[in-house]
Amino acid sequence: MAGWQTHDGVAVALPLANVDTDQLIPARFMSVPRSEGYGDYLLHDVRRDASGALRPEFPLNQAQQASVLVAGANFGSGSSREAAVYALIDAGYHAVFASSFGDIFASNSVNNGLLPARIKPETYDELVSFIGKSPCEVRIDLKNGQASFNAKQLDFVLDETWRMKLLNGWDDIDLTQQHNAQISAFKSKYAQTKPWAVPASNV
């Protein structure tokens, strides 16, 4: 996974709260191989009508070139399915701005290079009003925690460890490997001080 520092794209507003992972990708699509892409399944049951056709009035269908989503509170709540993040990424999204996120969804997002940018509720209200139904240009400065929506500047909150992972393109395994020297030193010391606890083949 490649790291990133800035992103220039188009933002679209989805003024809905409590969009959960079951909505982001319905369970019936979970058997599809990731190699085929999950983008077409993103918010499938609210983006499409009973026949499967895209609803022209749905915000994401009016801005299919968008790469930044401004969404309501508690975005990504519900089940822990990582496929919800895959669906956003495969649909071309690099970041989601919301006043709060489901914890597991946010962690899964960072591990896959998607920014869960937390903003104040009043900032969300301003952005939704500002963007309206017309997508706007956005520039994200990940390193400094800032974004510009057309001329509107704002700050966003992101855990510093998550920022480091996104900047470097790291997941949890990559983050752990940054401590390989300390891990090896501990393993060696543990084997010497407690040899009875370590299988002989690993000493």
N, C-alpha and C. Protein backbone atom coordinates (compact mmCIF):
# COMPACT_ATOMS: atom_id res chain seq x y z
N MET A 1 0.85 -1.19 0.00
CA MET A 1 0.00 0.00 0.00
C MET A 1 0.88 1.24 0.00
N ALA A 2 0.62 2.16 -0.91
CA ALA A 2 1.42 3.37 -1.01
C ALA A 2 0.94 4.42 -0.02
N GLY A 3 1.89 5.12 0.59
CA GLY A 3 1.54 6.22 1.46
C GLY A 3 1.23 7.48 0.66
N TRP A 4 0.66 8.47 1.30
CA TRP A 4 0.36 9.73 0.61
C TRP A 4 0.38 10.89 1.60
N GLN A 5 0.67 12.10 1.07
CA GLN A 5 0.73 13.30 1.90
C GLN A 5 -0.37 14.30 1.54
N THR A 6 -0.66 14.40 0.26
CA THR A 6 -1.71 15.32 -0.18
C THR A 6 -2.61 14.61 -1.18
N HIS A 7 -3.83 15.11 -1.28
CA HIS A 7 -4.76 14.57 -2.26
C HIS A 7 -5.59 15.71 -2.83
N ASP A 8 -5.67 15.77 -4.14
CA ASP A 8 -6.53 16.74 -4.83
C ASP A 8 -7.64 15.97 -5.52
N GLY A 9 -8.87 16.36 -5.24
CA GLY A 9 -9.99 15.64 -5.84
C GLY A 9 -11.27 16.43 -5.78
N VAL A 10 -12.35 15.72 -5.85
CA VAL A 10 -13.69 16.31 -5.83
C VAL A 10 -14.45 15.75 -4.64
N ALA A 11 -15.13 16.62 -3.90
CA ALA A 11 -15.89 16.20 -2.73
C ALA A 11 -17.38 16.21 -3.03
N VAL A 12 -18.07 15.24 -2.42
CA VAL A 12 -19.52 15.16 -2.53
C VAL A 12 -20.09 14.96 -1.13
N ALA A 13 -21.24 15.55 -0.87
CA ALA A 13 -21.87 15.44 0.44
C ALA A 13 -22.94 14.36 0.45
N LEU A 14 -22.91 13.54 1.50
CA LEU A 14 -23.94 12.54 1.73
C LEU A 14 -24.56 12.87 3.09
N PRO A 15 -25.60 13.70 3.13
CA PRO A 15 -26.16 14.17 4.40
C PRO A 15 -27.02 13.14 5.10
N LEU A 16 -26.39 12.03 5.46
CA LEU A 16 -27.08 10.95 6.17
C LEU A 16 -26.25 10.54 7.37
N ALA A 17 -26.89 10.39 8.53
CA ALA A 17 -26.20 9.90 9.73
C ALA A 17 -26.40 8.40 9.85
N ASN A 18 -25.51 7.78 10.62
CA ASN A 18 -25.62 6.35 10.94
C ASN A 18 -25.59 5.44 9.71
N VAL A 19 -24.80 5.80 8.73
CA VAL A 19 -24.61 4.91 7.58
C VAL A 19 -23.71 3.77 8.04
N ASP A 20 -24.26 2.58 8.15
CA ASP A 20 -23.48 1.47 8.71
C ASP A 20 -22.84 0.63 7.61
N THR A 21 -22.02 -0.33 8.07
CA THR A 21 -21.27 -1.14 7.10
C THR A 21 -22.18 -2.06 6.29
N ASP A 22 -23.34 -2.40 6.84
CA ASP A 22 -24.29 -3.22 6.08
C ASP A 22 -24.88 -2.43 4.92
N GLN A 23 -24.99 -1.12 5.09
CA GLN A 23 -25.44 -0.27 4.00
C GLN A 23 -24.31 -0.02 3.01
N LEU A 24 -23.11 0.16 3.53
CA LEU A 24 -21.97 0.45 2.65
C LEU A 24 -21.73 -0.68 1.67
N ILE A 25 -21.88 -1.92 2.13
CA ILE A 25 -21.85 -3.07 1.21
C ILE A 25 -22.74 -4.16 1.79
N PRO A 26 -23.89 -4.41 1.17
CA PRO A 26 -24.79 -5.46 1.65
C PRO A 26 -24.12 -6.83 1.67
N ALA A 27 -24.53 -7.65 2.64
CA ALA A 27 -23.87 -8.93 2.88
C ALA A 27 -23.88 -9.86 1.66
N ARG A 28 -24.89 -9.75 0.82
CA ARG A 28 -25.00 -10.70 -0.30
C ARG A 28 -23.89 -10.53 -1.33
N PHE A 29 -23.14 -9.42 -1.25
CA PHE A 29 -22.04 -9.21 -2.19
C PHE A 29 -20.69 -9.63 -1.62
N MET A 30 -20.70 -10.12 -0.38
CA MET A 30 -19.44 -10.42 0.29
C MET A 30 -18.71 -11.62 -0.30
N SER A 31 -19.41 -12.45 -1.07
CA SER A 31 -18.77 -13.63 -1.66
C SER A 31 -18.04 -13.31 -2.96
N VAL A 32 -18.20 -12.09 -3.46
CA VAL A 32 -17.53 -11.69 -4.70
C VAL A 32 -16.03 -11.54 -4.43
N PRO A 33 -15.15 -12.11 -5.26
CA PRO A 33 -13.71 -11.96 -5.05
C PRO A 33 -13.30 -10.49 -5.09
N ARG A 34 -12.41 -10.11 -4.20
CA ARG A 34 -11.95 -8.71 -4.17
C ARG A 34 -11.33 -8.30 -5.50
N SER A 35 -10.73 -9.27 -6.18
CA SER A 35 -10.07 -8.97 -7.45
C SER A 35 -11.04 -8.42 -8.49
N GLU A 36 -12.34 -8.70 -8.31
CA GLU A 36 -13.34 -8.20 -9.25
C GLU A 36 -13.76 -6.77 -8.92
N GLY A 37 -13.37 -6.29 -7.73
CA GLY A 37 -13.71 -4.92 -7.34
C GLY A 37 -15.07 -4.82 -6.67
N TYR A 38 -15.15 -3.99 -5.64
CA TYR A 38 -16.38 -3.83 -4.87
C TYR A 38 -17.06 -2.48 -5.11
N GLY A 39 -16.47 -1.67 -5.98
CA GLY A 39 -16.98 -0.32 -6.18
C GLY A 39 -18.43 -0.24 -6.59
N ASP A 40 -18.89 -1.15 -7.42
CA ASP A 40 -20.28 -1.13 -7.90
C ASP A 40 -21.28 -1.47 -6.80
N TYR A 41 -20.78 -2.04 -5.70
CA TYR A 41 -21.68 -2.45 -4.61
C TYR A 41 -21.78 -1.40 -3.51
N LEU A 42 -20.98 -0.34 -3.60
CA LEU A 42 -21.00 0.69 -2.58
C LEU A 42 -22.40 1.29 -2.45
N LEU A 43 -22.97 1.20 -1.24
CA LEU A 43 -24.30 1.75 -0.95
C LEU A 43 -25.34 1.28 -1.98
N HIS A 44 -25.19 0.05 -2.40
CA HIS A 44 -25.99 -0.50 -3.49
C HIS A 44 -27.49 -0.29 -3.32
N ASP A 45 -28.00 -0.59 -2.13
CA ASP A 45 -29.45 -0.60 -1.97
C ASP A 45 -30.07 0.77 -1.80
N VAL A 46 -29.25 1.79 -1.60
CA VAL A 46 -29.78 3.16 -1.56
C VAL A 46 -29.41 3.94 -2.81
N ARG A 47 -28.38 3.49 -3.51
CA ARG A 47 -27.98 4.15 -4.75
C ARG A 47 -28.81 3.69 -5.94
N ARG A 48 -29.39 2.49 -5.82
CA ARG A 48 -30.06 1.88 -6.96
C ARG A 48 -31.52 1.57 -6.65
N ASP A 49 -32.33 1.50 -7.70
CA ASP A 49 -33.73 1.15 -7.51
C ASP A 49 -33.90 -0.36 -7.57
N ALA A 50 -35.13 -0.85 -7.52
CA ALA A 50 -35.40 -2.28 -7.47
C ALA A 50 -34.87 -3.02 -8.70
N SER A 51 -34.75 -2.31 -9.81
CA SER A 51 -34.25 -2.95 -11.03
C SER A 51 -32.72 -2.94 -11.11
N GLY A 52 -32.08 -2.25 -10.16
CA GLY A 52 -30.63 -2.15 -10.17
C GLY A 52 -30.10 -0.91 -10.86
N ALA A 53 -30.97 -0.08 -11.38
CA ALA A 53 -30.54 1.15 -12.06
C ALA A 53 -30.18 2.22 -11.03
N LEU A 54 -29.20 3.03 -11.35
CA LEU A 54 -28.78 4.10 -10.45
C LEU A 54 -29.90 5.13 -10.31
N ARG A 55 -30.12 5.57 -9.06
CA ARG A 55 -31.11 6.62 -8.81
C ARG A 55 -30.46 7.98 -9.13
N PRO A 56 -30.96 8.71 -10.11
CA PRO A 56 -30.30 9.95 -10.51
C PRO A 56 -30.26 11.00 -9.42
N GLU A 57 -31.19 10.94 -8.45
CA GLU A 57 -31.23 11.96 -7.41
C GLU A 57 -30.27 11.69 -6.25
N PHE A 58 -29.68 10.49 -6.21
CA PHE A 58 -28.79 10.16 -5.11
C PHE A 58 -27.47 10.90 -5.27
N PRO A 59 -26.96 11.56 -4.20
CA PRO A 59 -25.77 12.42 -4.32
C PRO A 59 -24.56 11.77 -4.98
N LEU A 60 -24.24 10.52 -4.59
CA LEU A 60 -23.05 9.89 -5.16
C LEU A 60 -23.20 9.60 -6.64
N ASN A 61 -24.43 9.47 -7.10
CA ASN A 61 -24.66 9.22 -8.52
C ASN A 61 -24.54 10.50 -9.35
N GLN A 62 -24.63 11.63 -8.67
CA GLN A 62 -24.50 12.91 -9.36
C GLN A 62 -23.04 13.35 -9.45
N ALA A 63 -22.17 12.63 -8.74
CA ALA A 63 -20.75 12.99 -8.72
C ALA A 63 -19.91 11.72 -8.72
N GLN A 64 -20.00 10.96 -9.78
CA GLN A 64 -19.31 9.68 -9.83
C GLN A 64 -17.80 9.84 -9.94
N GLN A 65 -17.34 11.09 -10.17
CA GLN A 65 -15.91 11.35 -10.21
C GLN A 65 -15.37 11.72 -8.84
N ALA A 66 -16.22 11.77 -7.83
CA ALA A 66 -15.80 12.21 -6.49
C ALA A 66 -14.82 11.24 -5.86
N SER A 67 -13.89 11.79 -5.08
CA SER A 67 -12.92 10.96 -4.35
C SER A 67 -12.90 11.28 -2.86
N VAL A 68 -13.72 12.25 -2.45
CA VAL A 68 -13.82 12.63 -1.04
C VAL A 68 -15.30 12.69 -0.67
N LEU A 69 -15.65 12.04 0.44
CA LEU A 69 -17.03 11.98 0.88
C LEU A 69 -17.19 12.73 2.19
N VAL A 70 -18.20 13.60 2.25
CA VAL A 70 -18.57 14.29 3.49
C VAL A 70 -19.86 13.65 3.97
N ALA A 71 -19.80 12.94 5.11
CA ALA A 71 -20.94 12.14 5.55
C ALA A 71 -21.36 12.50 6.96
N GLY A 72 -22.55 12.02 7.34
CA GLY A 72 -23.10 12.31 8.65
C GLY A 72 -22.42 11.53 9.77
N ALA A 73 -22.85 11.82 10.99
CA ALA A 73 -22.24 11.24 12.18
C ALA A 73 -22.38 9.72 12.22
N ASN A 74 -21.46 9.09 12.95
CA ASN A 74 -21.48 7.64 13.17
C ASN A 74 -21.35 6.86 11.86
N PHE A 75 -20.53 7.37 10.99
CA PHE A 75 -20.32 6.73 9.69
C PHE A 75 -19.53 5.44 9.88
N GLY A 76 -19.99 4.37 9.24
CA GLY A 76 -19.28 3.09 9.31
C GLY A 76 -19.53 2.32 10.59
N SER A 77 -20.62 2.59 11.25
CA SER A 77 -20.97 1.83 12.45
C SER A 77 -21.46 0.44 12.03
N GLY A 78 -21.79 -0.39 13.02
CA GLY A 78 -22.34 -1.71 12.70
C GLY A 78 -21.29 -2.79 12.71
N SER A 79 -21.36 -3.71 11.78
CA SER A 79 -20.47 -4.87 11.76
C SER A 79 -19.04 -4.46 11.41
N SER A 80 -18.12 -5.41 11.60
CA SER A 80 -16.70 -5.09 11.40
C SER A 80 -16.22 -5.36 9.99
N ARG A 81 -17.11 -5.61 9.05
CA ARG A 81 -16.69 -6.05 7.71
C ARG A 81 -15.76 -5.05 7.03
N GLU A 82 -14.57 -5.52 6.73
CA GLU A 82 -13.56 -4.69 6.07
C GLU A 82 -13.96 -4.39 4.63
N ALA A 83 -14.86 -5.20 4.08
CA ALA A 83 -15.31 -4.98 2.71
C ALA A 83 -15.99 -3.63 2.54
N ALA A 84 -16.50 -3.05 3.63
CA ALA A 84 -17.10 -1.72 3.55
C ALA A 84 -16.06 -0.69 3.13
N VAL A 85 -14.85 -0.86 3.64
CA VAL A 85 -13.75 0.02 3.25
C VAL A 85 -13.32 -0.29 1.81
N TYR A 86 -13.26 -1.56 1.47
CA TYR A 86 -12.89 -1.94 0.10
C TYR A 86 -13.85 -1.29 -0.91
N ALA A 87 -15.14 -1.27 -0.58
CA ALA A 87 -16.12 -0.71 -1.50
C ALA A 87 -15.86 0.76 -1.76
N LEU A 88 -15.53 1.50 -0.70
CA LEU A 88 -15.22 2.93 -0.86
C LEU A 88 -13.96 3.12 -1.69
N ILE A 89 -12.92 2.36 -1.37
CA ILE A 89 -11.65 2.49 -2.10
C ILE A 89 -11.82 2.10 -3.56
N ASP A 90 -12.51 0.99 -3.80
CA ASP A 90 -12.69 0.53 -5.18
C ASP A 90 -13.57 1.47 -5.99
N ALA A 91 -14.39 2.28 -5.29
CA ALA A 91 -15.22 3.27 -5.98
C ALA A 91 -14.45 4.58 -6.19
N GLY A 92 -13.19 4.62 -5.74
CA GLY A 92 -12.34 5.78 -6.00
C GLY A 92 -12.20 6.77 -4.86
N TYR A 93 -12.68 6.43 -3.68
CA TYR A 93 -12.61 7.37 -2.55
C TYR A 93 -11.29 7.26 -1.80
N HIS A 94 -10.74 8.44 -1.44
CA HIS A 94 -9.50 8.52 -0.67
C HIS A 94 -9.72 8.97 0.76
N ALA A 95 -10.87 9.59 1.03
CA ALA A 95 -11.12 10.14 2.36
C ALA A 95 -12.60 10.27 2.62
N VAL A 96 -12.95 10.15 3.91
CA VAL A 96 -14.31 10.42 4.37
C VAL A 96 -14.21 11.42 5.51
N PHE A 97 -14.97 12.50 5.44
CA PHE A 97 -15.04 13.50 6.50
C PHE A 97 -16.37 13.34 7.22
N ALA A 98 -16.32 13.16 8.54
CA ALA A 98 -17.54 13.01 9.33
C ALA A 98 -17.24 13.43 10.76
N SER A 99 -18.28 13.70 11.53
CA SER A 99 -18.06 14.12 12.91
C SER A 99 -17.76 12.94 13.82
N SER A 100 -18.09 11.74 13.41
CA SER A 100 -17.74 10.54 14.18
C SER A 100 -17.81 9.32 13.28
N PHE A 101 -17.04 8.29 13.67
CA PHE A 101 -16.96 7.06 12.88
C PHE A 101 -17.13 5.84 13.77
N GLY A 102 -17.56 4.73 13.18
CA GLY A 102 -17.48 3.46 13.87
C GLY A 102 -16.01 3.14 14.09
N ASP A 103 -15.65 2.70 15.30
CA ASP A 103 -14.24 2.51 15.65
C ASP A 103 -13.54 1.51 14.74
N ILE A 104 -14.15 0.35 14.52
CA ILE A 104 -13.50 -0.68 13.71
C ILE A 104 -13.41 -0.23 12.26
N PHE A 105 -14.45 0.45 11.77
CA PHE A 105 -14.42 0.95 10.40
C PHE A 105 -13.25 1.93 10.23
N ALA A 106 -13.08 2.83 11.19
CA ALA A 106 -12.00 3.81 11.08
C ALA A 106 -10.64 3.14 11.06
N SER A 107 -10.46 2.13 11.92
CA SER A 107 -9.19 1.40 11.95
C SER A 107 -8.97 0.66 10.64
N ASN A 108 -9.99 0.01 10.13
CA ASN A 108 -9.87 -0.68 8.84
C ASN A 108 -9.54 0.30 7.72
N SER A 109 -10.10 1.48 7.79
CA SER A 109 -9.85 2.49 6.77
C SER A 109 -8.37 2.84 6.71
N VAL A 110 -7.80 3.14 7.87
CA VAL A 110 -6.39 3.52 7.92
C VAL A 110 -5.50 2.40 7.40
N ASN A 111 -5.83 1.16 7.76
CA ASN A 111 -5.02 0.02 7.32
C ASN A 111 -5.09 -0.22 5.82
N ASN A 112 -6.04 0.43 5.16
CA ASN A 112 -6.18 0.29 3.71
C ASN A 112 -5.95 1.60 2.95
N GLY A 113 -5.44 2.62 3.65
CA GLY A 113 -5.07 3.87 3.00
C GLY A 113 -6.18 4.89 2.86
N LEU A 114 -7.34 4.63 3.48
CA LEU A 114 -8.48 5.56 3.41
C LEU A 114 -8.49 6.44 4.65
N LEU A 115 -8.56 7.75 4.47
CA LEU A 115 -8.53 8.69 5.58
C LEU A 115 -9.90 8.87 6.22
N PRO A 116 -10.04 8.55 7.53
CA PRO A 116 -11.26 8.89 8.26
C PRO A 116 -11.04 10.21 9.00
N ALA A 117 -11.37 11.31 8.37
CA ALA A 117 -11.09 12.64 8.91
C ALA A 117 -12.24 13.11 9.79
N ARG A 118 -11.95 13.30 11.08
CA ARG A 118 -13.00 13.70 12.02
C ARG A 118 -13.08 15.21 12.12
N ILE A 119 -14.28 15.73 11.95
CA ILE A 119 -14.51 17.17 12.00
C ILE A 119 -15.60 17.47 13.03
N LYS A 120 -15.70 18.73 13.43
CA LYS A 120 -16.72 19.13 14.39
C LYS A 120 -18.10 19.06 13.75
N PRO A 121 -19.14 18.77 14.54
CA PRO A 121 -20.50 18.72 13.98
C PRO A 121 -20.89 19.99 13.25
N GLU A 122 -20.48 21.13 13.79
CA GLU A 122 -20.83 22.40 13.13
C GLU A 122 -20.07 22.56 11.82
N THR A 123 -18.87 21.99 11.75
CA THR A 123 -18.11 22.03 10.49
C THR A 123 -18.79 21.16 9.45
N TYR A 124 -19.28 20.01 9.88
CA TYR A 124 -20.03 19.14 8.97
C TYR A 124 -21.24 19.87 8.41
N ASP A 125 -22.01 20.54 9.28
CA ASP A 125 -23.19 21.28 8.83
C ASP A 125 -22.81 22.35 7.81
N GLU A 126 -21.70 23.04 8.07
CA GLU A 126 -21.25 24.09 7.15
C GLU A 126 -20.85 23.50 5.81
N LEU A 127 -20.15 22.35 5.84
CA LEU A 127 -19.71 21.73 4.60
C LEU A 127 -20.88 21.25 3.76
N VAL A 128 -21.85 20.61 4.40
CA VAL A 128 -23.02 20.13 3.67
C VAL A 128 -23.75 21.29 3.01
N SER A 129 -23.88 22.39 3.75
CA SER A 129 -24.53 23.57 3.20
C SER A 129 -23.69 24.18 2.08
N PHE A 130 -22.38 24.17 2.28
CA PHE A 130 -21.46 24.77 1.32
C PHE A 130 -21.41 23.98 0.01
N ILE A 131 -21.31 22.65 0.15
CA ILE A 131 -21.23 21.80 -1.03
C ILE A 131 -22.58 21.69 -1.72
N GLY A 132 -23.64 21.52 -0.89
CA GLY A 132 -24.98 21.38 -1.45
C GLY A 132 -25.04 20.18 -2.38
N LYS A 133 -25.66 20.36 -3.50
CA LYS A 133 -25.78 19.28 -4.48
C LYS A 133 -24.74 19.40 -5.59
N SER A 134 -23.83 20.37 -5.44
CA SER A 134 -22.81 20.58 -6.45
C SER A 134 -21.45 20.17 -5.92
N PRO A 135 -20.84 19.13 -6.43
CA PRO A 135 -19.52 18.71 -5.97
C PRO A 135 -18.51 19.85 -6.09
N CYS A 136 -17.55 19.88 -5.16
CA CYS A 136 -16.56 20.96 -5.19
C CYS A 136 -15.15 20.38 -5.14
N GLU A 137 -14.19 21.17 -5.55
CA GLU A 137 -12.80 20.75 -5.52
C GLU A 137 -12.30 20.75 -4.08
N VAL A 138 -11.46 19.78 -3.77
CA VAL A 138 -10.93 19.68 -2.42
C VAL A 138 -9.45 19.31 -2.48
N ARG A 139 -8.69 19.86 -1.55
CA ARG A 139 -7.29 19.50 -1.40
C ARG A 139 -7.06 19.12 0.06
N ILE A 140 -6.47 17.95 0.28
CA ILE A 140 -6.22 17.46 1.63
C ILE A 140 -4.72 17.46 1.90
N ASP A 141 -4.34 18.08 3.01
CA ASP A 141 -2.96 18.07 3.48
C ASP A 141 -2.92 17.16 4.70
N LEU A 142 -2.58 15.90 4.47
CA LEU A 142 -2.62 14.90 5.53
C LEU A 142 -1.60 15.21 6.62
N LYS A 143 -0.43 15.64 6.23
CA LYS A 143 0.64 15.86 7.20
C LYS A 143 0.26 16.94 8.22
N ASN A 144 -0.42 17.98 7.76
CA ASN A 144 -0.77 19.10 8.64
C ASN A 144 -2.20 19.05 9.15
N GLY A 145 -2.96 18.04 8.73
CA GLY A 145 -4.33 17.90 9.21
C GLY A 145 -5.25 19.01 8.76
N GLN A 146 -5.10 19.42 7.51
CA GLN A 146 -5.91 20.51 6.98
C GLN A 146 -6.50 20.13 5.63
N ALA A 147 -7.61 20.77 5.31
CA ALA A 147 -8.24 20.55 4.01
C ALA A 147 -8.84 21.85 3.51
N SER A 148 -8.95 21.97 2.20
CA SER A 148 -9.54 23.14 1.56
C SER A 148 -10.64 22.68 0.62
N PHE A 149 -11.86 23.10 0.91
CA PHE A 149 -13.01 22.81 0.04
C PHE A 149 -13.32 24.09 -0.72
N ASN A 150 -12.88 24.13 -1.99
CA ASN A 150 -12.87 25.39 -2.74
C ASN A 150 -12.10 26.41 -1.90
N ALA A 151 -12.73 27.46 -1.45
CA ALA A 151 -12.01 28.47 -0.66
C ALA A 151 -12.16 28.26 0.84
N LYS A 152 -12.91 27.26 1.25
CA LYS A 152 -13.17 27.05 2.67
C LYS A 152 -12.09 26.17 3.29
N GLN A 153 -11.35 26.73 4.25
CA GLN A 153 -10.29 26.01 4.93
C GLN A 153 -10.80 25.41 6.23
N LEU A 154 -10.31 24.23 6.57
CA LEU A 154 -10.71 23.61 7.83
C LEU A 154 -9.62 22.67 8.32
N ASP A 155 -9.67 22.40 9.63
CA ASP A 155 -8.78 21.42 10.24
C ASP A 155 -9.57 20.14 10.51
N PHE A 156 -8.88 19.03 10.53
CA PHE A 156 -9.53 17.77 10.89
C PHE A 156 -8.67 17.04 11.91
N VAL A 157 -9.31 16.14 12.66
CA VAL A 157 -8.64 15.41 13.73
C VAL A 157 -8.31 14.00 13.26
N LEU A 158 -7.09 13.57 13.57
CA LEU A 158 -6.65 12.23 13.22
C LEU A 158 -5.62 11.78 14.23
N ASP A 159 -5.78 10.58 14.76
CA ASP A 159 -4.80 10.01 15.68
C ASP A 159 -3.41 10.04 15.03
N GLU A 160 -2.39 10.41 15.81
CA GLU A 160 -1.05 10.58 15.24
C GLU A 160 -0.47 9.27 14.71
N THR A 161 -0.77 8.17 15.37
CA THR A 161 -0.30 6.88 14.87
C THR A 161 -0.95 6.57 13.53
N TRP A 162 -2.23 6.89 13.41
CA TRP A 162 -2.93 6.67 12.14
C TRP A 162 -2.36 7.57 11.05
N ARG A 163 -2.02 8.81 11.43
CA ARG A 163 -1.43 9.72 10.44
C ARG A 163 -0.12 9.13 9.91
N MET A 164 0.71 8.62 10.82
CA MET A 164 1.98 8.03 10.43
C MET A 164 1.77 6.84 9.49
N LYS A 165 0.76 6.02 9.80
CA LYS A 165 0.50 4.85 8.96
C LYS A 165 0.05 5.27 7.57
N LEU A 166 -0.81 6.27 7.47
CA LEU A 166 -1.27 6.73 6.16
C LEU A 166 -0.14 7.39 5.37
N LEU A 167 0.68 8.18 6.03
CA LEU A 167 1.78 8.85 5.35
C LEU A 167 2.77 7.86 4.78
N ASN A 168 2.99 6.76 5.51
CA ASN A 168 3.99 5.77 5.09
C ASN A 168 3.41 4.58 4.34
N GLY A 169 2.07 4.50 4.28
CA GLY A 169 1.46 3.36 3.62
C GLY A 169 1.57 2.08 4.44
N TRP A 170 1.55 2.22 5.77
CA TRP A 170 1.70 1.07 6.66
C TRP A 170 0.36 0.53 7.13
N ASP A 171 0.30 -0.81 7.32
CA ASP A 171 -0.80 -1.40 8.06
C ASP A 171 -0.24 -1.81 9.42
N ASP A 172 -0.99 -2.59 10.21
CA ASP A 172 -0.54 -2.95 11.55
C ASP A 172 0.73 -3.79 11.54
N ILE A 173 0.87 -4.65 10.53
CA ILE A 173 2.07 -5.48 10.43
C ILE A 173 3.28 -4.61 10.15
N ASP A 174 3.14 -3.67 9.22
CA ASP A 174 4.25 -2.77 8.90
C ASP A 174 4.65 -1.95 10.12
N LEU A 175 3.64 -1.51 10.88
CA LEU A 175 3.92 -0.72 12.08
C LEU A 175 4.70 -1.55 13.10
N THR A 176 4.31 -2.80 13.27
CA THR A 176 5.02 -3.68 14.20
C THR A 176 6.45 -3.92 13.76
N GLN A 177 6.66 -4.02 12.45
CA GLN A 177 8.01 -4.30 11.94
C GLN A 177 8.98 -3.15 12.17
N GLN A 178 8.47 -1.98 12.49
CA GLN A 178 9.36 -0.87 12.81
C GLN A 178 10.07 -1.10 14.13
N HIS A 179 9.60 -2.08 14.89
CA HIS A 179 10.19 -2.40 16.20
C HIS A 179 10.91 -3.74 16.17
N ASN A 180 11.36 -4.17 14.98
CA ASN A 180 12.00 -5.48 14.85
C ASN A 180 13.23 -5.62 15.75
N ALA A 181 14.01 -4.55 15.87
CA ALA A 181 15.23 -4.62 16.68
C ALA A 181 14.89 -4.88 18.15
N GLN A 182 13.88 -4.16 18.65
CA GLN A 182 13.48 -4.34 20.05
C GLN A 182 12.86 -5.72 20.27
N ILE A 183 12.09 -6.18 19.28
CA ILE A 183 11.46 -7.49 19.39
C ILE A 183 12.53 -8.59 19.43
N SER A 184 13.54 -8.47 18.57
CA SER A 184 14.61 -9.47 18.54
C SER A 184 15.40 -9.46 19.84
N ALA A 185 15.65 -8.25 20.38
CA ALA A 185 16.39 -8.15 21.63
C ALA A 185 15.61 -8.79 22.77
N PHE A 186 14.29 -8.54 22.80
CA PHE A 186 13.45 -9.15 23.84
C PHE A 186 13.44 -10.67 23.72
N LYS A 187 13.32 -11.15 22.48
CA LYS A 187 13.27 -12.59 22.25
C LYS A 187 14.56 -13.26 22.73
N SER A 188 15.69 -12.62 22.43
CA SER A 188 16.98 -13.18 22.83
C SER A 188 17.12 -13.19 24.36
N LYS A 189 16.75 -12.09 25.00
CA LYS A 189 16.86 -12.00 26.45
C LYS A 189 15.91 -12.99 27.12
N TYR A 190 14.71 -13.11 26.59
CA TYR A 190 13.71 -14.03 27.17
C TYR A 190 14.20 -15.46 27.09
N ALA A 191 14.82 -15.81 25.96
CA ALA A 191 15.32 -17.18 25.78
C ALA A 191 16.44 -17.49 26.76
N GLN A 192 17.22 -16.46 27.13
CA GLN A 192 18.33 -16.66 28.05
C GLN A 192 17.87 -16.74 29.50
N THR A 193 16.89 -15.89 29.85
CA THR A 193 16.45 -15.83 31.25
C THR A 193 15.38 -16.86 31.59
N LYS A 194 14.67 -17.33 30.59
CA LYS A 194 13.60 -18.32 30.82
C LYS A 194 13.67 -19.41 29.76
N PRO A 195 14.77 -20.10 29.70
CA PRO A 195 14.94 -21.14 28.65
C PRO A 195 13.91 -22.25 28.74
N TRP A 196 13.38 -22.49 29.92
CA TRP A 196 12.39 -23.54 30.11
C TRP A 196 11.05 -23.20 29.42
N ALA A 197 10.87 -21.91 29.09
CA ALA A 197 9.59 -21.49 28.49
C ALA A 197 9.64 -21.45 26.97
N VAL A 198 10.82 -21.68 26.41
CA VAL A 198 10.98 -21.56 24.96
C VAL A 198 11.28 -22.94 24.36
N PRO A 199 10.52 -23.36 23.34
CA PRO A 199 10.81 -24.65 22.69
C PRO A 199 12.26 -24.71 22.24
N ALA A 200 12.88 -25.84 22.40
CA ALA A 200 14.30 -25.98 22.10
C ALA A 200 14.64 -25.61 20.68
N SER A 201 13.74 -25.87 19.75
CA SER A 201 14.01 -25.58 18.33
C SER A 201 14.06 -24.08 18.06
N ASN A 202 13.52 -23.25 18.99
CA ASN A 202 13.48 -21.81 18.78
C ASN A 202 14.53 -21.07 19.58
N VAL A 203 15.30 -21.77 20.36
CA VAL A 203 16.33 -21.11 21.21
C VAL A 203 17.52 -20.72 20.33
